[in-house]
Amino acid sequence: MSETSPQTHIGRRLQQHFTELGPQERRVADFILAHLEDLAVYSAADLSRLSGVSKATVTRLFKRLGFDDFKAVKAHARQLRHYGVPLASQSDALGEGIERFRRHAEREQQNLRQCLERLTPVLFDEVIRALDEAPAVAVIGYRNSYPVGLHLRQQLMQARGSVHLLPAPNQSLAEELVELDPGTLIVLIGFRRRPRLFETLVGVLAAREQRVLLIGDPTTAKYADQVTWRLECALETISAFDSYASAMSLVSLLANAMLHRRLAQGRARIGEVTELYQELDELADFSGRP
């Protein structure tokens, strides 16, 4: 068994084997299940003391679950969060009343600040120039990355033409890639818990010498040498589920900067789109009239 694979989630294994555990082992298991988010920061002695059992019992439990030692358990716990596995525990301490909102806001601000601090004017200007001048833009995003990619495409296509979302629903990607113009800019959205295809796709695009803008979380750092540009967004929150607020904010920043780079053409296109909205009667009337 691989200790660092999300497929071997320790919480899941504890639940599966709970009925097989002795009374002392169950006390440790109960404590771990209530504090999964904090498991990586505990020591074996901490677990022994906090659950009221011997260190030998803690060691025996982890051996039963397939871990060589507690060091492997801690590595597993850290890797689960790195992969984006949503871990929640009673010790998350979201707070009550406005406290939970304050902590949430602070975490979101920290994520956005980290994203923007990693940008440089040179890098940003290169990306905006590419988004503006490329004959076509193809946006690719799977799973959690799909909504970010969809929103990016919707924003860009208001100011420029030939912005595509690949692949089409329920279709394979190969037919799309073979048709790409060499000058097409690929915007690859790659947030964690990516499908296995992602790594292969990065390699294929690099081999085809396609220009690629990769937008993802810190786990995409290993692909930096295979893409043209990489922009990083933090997803951390005060509890289990990732937040994409910084990613959506980055989309807004990119789209607005591209619009201002081609302001005359962008305004004209937005005007045409608005006229078609009205002709097709697609959007609700927010003028305040009944």
Protein backbone atom coordinates (compact mmCIF):
# COMPACT_ATOMS: atom_id res chain seq x y z
CA MET A 1 0.00 0.00 0.00
CA SER A 2 1.22 3.51 -0.80
CA GLU A 3 1.10 5.69 2.28
CA THR A 4 0.92 8.93 0.34
CA SER A 5 -1.82 8.00 -2.11
CA PRO A 6 -5.26 9.54 -1.64
CA GLN A 7 -6.70 6.11 -2.49
CA THR A 8 -5.47 4.93 0.94
CA HIS A 9 -7.19 7.74 2.88
CA ILE A 10 -6.57 6.91 6.54
CA GLY A 11 -10.02 8.09 7.57
CA ARG A 12 -11.61 5.74 5.07
CA ARG A 13 -9.47 2.82 6.26
CA LEU A 14 -10.35 3.49 9.88
CA GLN A 15 -14.05 3.44 9.03
CA GLN A 16 -13.69 0.22 7.05
CA HIS A 17 -11.83 -1.59 9.84
CA PHE A 18 -13.48 0.02 12.86
CA THR A 19 -15.50 -3.05 13.87
CA GLU A 20 -12.29 -5.13 13.88
CA LEU A 21 -10.53 -2.85 16.36
CA GLY A 22 -10.16 -3.50 20.06
CA PRO A 23 -11.55 -1.01 22.64
CA GLN A 24 -8.22 0.83 23.07
CA GLU A 25 -7.62 1.05 19.32
CA ARG A 26 -11.14 2.40 18.86
CA ARG A 27 -10.34 5.23 21.25
CA VAL A 28 -7.41 6.27 19.04
CA ALA A 29 -9.51 5.80 15.89
CA ASP A 30 -12.30 7.99 17.30
CA PHE A 31 -9.81 10.73 18.14
CA ILE A 32 -8.18 10.61 14.67
CA LEU A 33 -11.53 10.69 12.87
CA ALA A 34 -12.49 13.78 14.90
CA HIS A 35 -9.15 15.52 14.17
CA LEU A 36 -8.17 14.44 10.64
CA GLU A 37 -7.27 17.98 9.60
CA ASP A 38 -4.70 18.17 12.43
CA LEU A 39 -3.22 14.69 12.11
CA ALA A 40 -0.07 15.91 10.38
CA VAL A 41 0.89 18.12 13.33
CA TYR A 42 0.46 15.50 16.07
CA SER A 43 3.17 13.18 17.34
CA ALA A 44 2.59 9.57 18.38
CA ALA A 45 3.00 10.72 21.99
CA ASP A 46 0.30 13.37 21.43
CA LEU A 47 -2.13 10.77 20.13
CA SER A 48 -1.34 8.49 23.03
CA ARG A 49 -1.89 11.23 25.59
CA LEU A 50 -4.95 12.82 24.01
CA SER A 51 -6.76 9.53 23.41
CA GLY A 52 -5.73 8.04 26.76
CA VAL A 53 -4.02 4.90 25.46
CA SER A 54 -0.45 3.60 25.35
CA LYS A 55 1.99 4.45 22.58
CA ALA A 56 2.13 0.73 21.83
CA THR A 57 -1.60 0.81 21.06
CA VAL A 58 -1.12 3.75 18.69
CA THR A 59 1.73 1.95 16.93
CA ARG A 60 -0.26 -1.27 16.70
CA LEU A 61 -3.21 0.54 15.14
CA PHE A 62 -1.11 2.14 12.42
CA LYS A 63 0.59 -1.18 11.67
CA ARG A 64 -2.86 -2.73 11.29
CA LEU A 65 -3.73 -0.02 8.77
CA GLY A 66 -0.61 -0.78 6.74
CA PHE A 67 1.73 2.05 7.75
CA ASP A 68 5.35 1.24 8.60
CA ASP A 69 5.57 3.89 11.32
CA PHE A 70 4.08 7.19 12.45
CA LYS A 71 6.37 9.14 10.13
CA ALA A 72 4.58 7.44 7.21
CA VAL A 73 1.21 8.37 8.73
CA LYS A 74 2.16 12.05 8.96
CA ALA A 75 3.47 12.05 5.39
CA HIS A 76 0.19 10.49 4.28
CA ALA A 77 -1.84 13.15 6.12
CA ARG A 78 0.16 15.99 4.55
CA GLN A 79 -0.13 14.47 1.09
CA LEU A 80 -3.90 14.09 1.36
CA ARG A 81 -4.31 17.85 1.74
CA HIS A 82 -1.71 18.47 -0.95
CA TYR A 83 -3.81 16.40 -3.35
CA GLY A 84 -6.89 18.41 -2.39
CA VAL A 85 -8.70 15.73 -0.43
CA PRO A 86 -11.28 17.62 1.68
CA LEU A 87 -10.48 16.86 5.31
CA ALA A 88 -12.79 18.19 7.98
CA SER A 89 -12.59 17.69 11.72
CA GLN A 90 -14.22 18.91 14.88
CA SER A 91 -11.12 21.01 15.53
CA ASP A 92 -11.56 23.09 12.37
CA ALA A 93 -12.99 25.76 14.67
CA LEU A 94 -14.87 27.78 12.10
CA GLY A 95 -15.95 30.03 14.92
CA GLU A 96 -19.35 31.44 15.68
CA GLY A 97 -21.14 34.59 14.61
CA ILE A 98 -19.00 37.11 12.79
CA GLU A 99 -15.80 35.31 13.85
CA ARG A 100 -16.24 32.68 11.15
CA PHE A 101 -16.71 35.41 8.55
CA ARG A 102 -13.60 37.26 9.71
CA ARG A 103 -11.44 34.12 9.54
CA HIS A 104 -12.84 33.22 6.15
CA ALA A 105 -12.17 36.72 4.80
CA GLU A 106 -8.59 36.70 6.13
CA ARG A 107 -7.86 33.36 4.44
CA GLU A 108 -9.34 34.53 1.13
CA GLN A 109 -7.33 37.75 1.26
CA GLN A 110 -4.17 35.77 1.97
CA ASN A 111 -4.82 33.52 -1.05
CA LEU A 112 -5.37 36.49 -3.34
CA ARG A 113 -2.34 38.32 -1.97
CA GLN A 114 -0.13 35.27 -2.60
CA CYS A 115 -1.46 34.99 -6.16
CA LEU A 116 -0.76 38.63 -6.99
CA GLU A 117 2.65 38.67 -5.28
CA ARG A 118 3.82 35.89 -7.60
CA LEU A 119 2.96 37.99 -10.65
CA THR A 120 5.50 40.36 -12.16
CA PRO A 121 4.68 43.17 -14.61
CA VAL A 122 6.82 41.49 -17.29
CA LEU A 123 5.12 38.12 -16.89
CA PHE A 124 1.65 39.65 -16.76
CA ASP A 125 2.23 41.83 -19.84
CA GLU A 126 3.51 38.82 -21.81
CA VAL A 127 0.40 36.83 -20.93
CA ILE A 128 -1.98 39.67 -21.83
CA ARG A 129 -0.19 40.24 -25.13
CA ALA A 130 -0.53 36.55 -25.94
CA LEU A 131 -4.24 36.52 -25.04
CA ASP A 132 -4.77 39.55 -27.27
CA GLU A 133 -2.64 38.64 -30.29
CA ALA A 134 -3.11 34.86 -30.59
CA PRO A 135 -5.18 33.94 -33.67
CA ALA A 136 -7.23 31.68 -31.40
CA VAL A 137 -7.43 30.78 -27.71
CA ALA A 138 -8.34 27.27 -26.53
CA VAL A 139 -9.27 26.85 -22.88
CA ILE A 140 -9.02 23.37 -21.30
CA GLY A 141 -10.09 22.53 -17.76
CA TYR A 142 -11.30 19.31 -16.14
CA ARG A 143 -13.21 18.62 -12.91
CA ASN A 144 -12.85 21.55 -10.48
CA SER A 145 -10.95 23.48 -13.14
CA TYR A 146 -13.85 23.42 -15.58
CA PRO A 147 -15.92 26.25 -14.00
CA VAL A 148 -12.85 28.51 -13.94
CA GLY A 149 -12.10 27.70 -17.58
CA LEU A 150 -15.72 28.25 -18.58
CA HIS A 151 -15.79 31.65 -16.90
CA LEU A 152 -12.47 32.66 -18.46
CA ARG A 153 -13.76 31.75 -21.90
CA GLN A 154 -17.00 33.69 -21.33
CA GLN A 155 -15.08 36.79 -20.27
CA LEU A 156 -12.52 36.69 -23.07
CA MET A 157 -15.02 36.09 -25.86
CA GLN A 158 -16.82 39.34 -25.05
CA ALA A 159 -13.73 41.26 -26.12
CA ARG A 160 -12.24 39.01 -28.84
CA GLY A 161 -13.23 36.21 -31.20
CA SER A 162 -12.03 32.61 -31.60
CA VAL A 163 -12.07 31.61 -27.94
CA HIS A 164 -12.93 27.94 -27.58
CA LEU A 165 -13.55 25.57 -24.67
CA LEU A 166 -12.08 22.10 -25.28
CA PRO A 167 -13.13 19.39 -25.54
CA ALA A 168 -16.82 19.53 -26.42
CA PRO A 169 -19.02 17.78 -23.82
CA ASN A 170 -18.62 13.97 -23.88
CA GLN A 171 -16.05 14.19 -26.67
CA SER A 172 -12.37 13.19 -26.75
CA LEU A 173 -9.58 15.73 -27.00
CA ALA A 174 -7.49 14.22 -29.81
CA GLU A 175 -9.72 15.47 -32.63
CA GLU A 176 -9.59 18.97 -31.19
CA LEU A 177 -5.81 19.04 -30.78
CA VAL A 178 -5.04 17.76 -34.26
CA GLU A 179 -6.95 20.71 -35.74
CA LEU A 180 -5.20 23.38 -33.70
CA ASP A 181 -3.35 26.10 -35.49
CA PRO A 182 0.28 26.21 -34.28
CA GLY A 183 -0.31 29.80 -33.20
CA THR A 184 -3.25 28.92 -30.96
CA LEU A 185 -2.71 29.82 -27.33
CA ILE A 186 -3.72 27.01 -24.98
CA VAL A 187 -4.96 28.12 -21.57
CA LEU A 188 -4.73 25.01 -19.41
CA ILE A 189 -6.54 25.21 -16.07
CA GLY A 190 -5.06 22.68 -13.66
CA PHE A 191 -6.28 22.75 -10.08
CA ARG A 192 -5.62 19.82 -7.79
CA ARG A 193 -7.38 16.48 -7.99
CA ARG A 194 -6.68 16.57 -11.69
CA PRO A 195 -7.45 13.56 -13.92
CA ARG A 196 -4.58 11.27 -14.94
CA LEU A 197 -4.83 12.64 -18.48
CA PHE A 198 -3.53 16.02 -17.33
CA GLU A 199 0.14 15.12 -17.04
CA THR A 200 0.11 13.37 -20.41
CA LEU A 201 -1.64 16.37 -21.96
CA VAL A 202 1.06 18.75 -20.71
CA GLY A 203 3.72 16.52 -22.27
CA VAL A 204 1.87 16.26 -25.59
CA LEU A 205 1.40 20.02 -25.83
CA ALA A 206 5.07 20.58 -25.03
CA ALA A 207 6.11 18.06 -27.69
CA ARG A 208 3.91 19.89 -30.23
CA GLU A 209 5.62 23.16 -29.21
CA GLN A 210 2.25 24.70 -28.48
CA ARG A 211 2.22 27.88 -26.42
CA VAL A 212 0.58 27.09 -23.10
CA LEU A 213 -0.56 29.33 -20.26
CA LEU A 214 -1.00 27.11 -17.20
CA ILE A 215 -3.19 28.40 -14.37
CA GLY A 216 -3.23 26.19 -11.29
CA ASP A 217 -2.41 25.68 -7.64
CA PRO A 218 1.13 25.12 -6.23
CA THR A 219 1.08 21.44 -7.26
CA THR A 220 1.51 22.54 -10.89
CA ALA A 221 5.05 23.80 -10.18
CA LYS A 222 6.47 20.55 -11.57
CA TYR A 223 5.14 21.48 -15.01
CA ALA A 224 6.79 24.91 -15.12
CA ASP A 225 9.52 23.80 -17.54
CA GLN A 226 6.98 22.33 -19.98
CA VAL A 227 4.72 25.36 -20.41
CA THR A 228 5.26 28.89 -21.68
CA TRP A 229 3.79 30.68 -18.67
CA ARG A 230 2.46 29.51 -15.30
CA LEU A 231 0.22 31.51 -12.96
CA GLU A 232 -0.39 30.17 -9.46
CA CYS A 233 -3.45 30.49 -7.23
CA ALA A 234 -3.71 29.30 -3.63
CA LEU A 235 -6.90 27.42 -2.73
CA GLU A 236 -6.54 26.99 1.04
CA THR A 237 -9.50 27.61 3.35
CA ILE A 238 -10.19 27.43 7.07
CA SER A 239 -11.83 24.02 6.67
CA ALA A 240 -12.13 21.15 4.20
CA PHE A 241 -13.18 22.47 0.81
CA ASP A 242 -10.95 24.48 -1.51
CA SER A 243 -11.84 28.03 -2.48
CA TYR A 244 -11.52 29.29 -6.05
CA ALA A 245 -12.00 32.95 -5.19
CA SER A 246 -8.40 33.86 -6.06
CA ALA A 247 -8.68 31.94 -9.35
CA MET A 248 -11.86 33.78 -10.33
CA SER A 249 -10.25 37.08 -9.31
CA LEU A 250 -7.28 36.28 -11.55
CA VAL A 251 -9.69 35.56 -14.43
CA SER A 252 -11.23 39.00 -13.91
CA LEU A 253 -7.79 40.64 -13.87
CA LEU A 254 -6.70 38.89 -17.08
CA ALA A 255 -9.94 39.60 -18.96
CA ASN A 256 -10.03 43.26 -17.97
CA ALA A 257 -6.38 43.79 -18.89
CA MET A 258 -6.92 42.17 -22.29
CA LEU A 259 -9.99 44.33 -22.91
CA HIS A 260 -8.05 47.51 -22.13
CA ARG A 261 -5.26 46.41 -24.44
CA ARG A 262 -7.73 46.28 -27.35
CA LEU A 263 -10.20 48.81 -26.02
CA ALA A 264 -11.63 50.07 -29.33
CA GLN A 265 -12.18 46.58 -30.77
CA GLY A 266 -13.36 45.26 -27.43
CA ARG A 267 -15.93 48.00 -26.96
CA ALA A 268 -17.24 47.46 -30.48
CA ARG A 269 -17.60 43.72 -29.90
CA ILE A 270 -19.30 44.22 -26.52
CA GLY A 271 -21.73 46.60 -28.25
CA GLU A 272 -22.54 44.00 -30.91
CA VAL A 273 -23.05 41.32 -28.28
CA THR A 274 -25.34 43.60 -26.28
CA GLU A 275 -27.44 44.33 -29.35
CA LEU A 276 -27.82 40.62 -30.03
CA TYR A 277 -28.84 40.04 -26.40
CA GLN A 278 -31.67 42.50 -27.00
CA GLU A 279 -32.67 41.09 -30.38
CA LEU A 280 -32.80 37.56 -29.01
CA ASP A 281 -34.39 38.70 -25.73
CA GLU A 282 -31.98 36.38 -23.90
CA LEU A 283 -31.41 38.27 -20.67
CA ALA A 284 -33.75 39.34 -17.91
CA ASP A 285 -34.59 43.05 -17.66
CA PHE A 286 -32.87 44.57 -14.61
CA SER A 287 -34.03 48.10 -15.28
CA GLY A 288 -36.44 47.99 -12.37
CA ARG A 289 -39.52 47.92 -14.58
CA PRO A 290 -42.16 45.28 -13.73
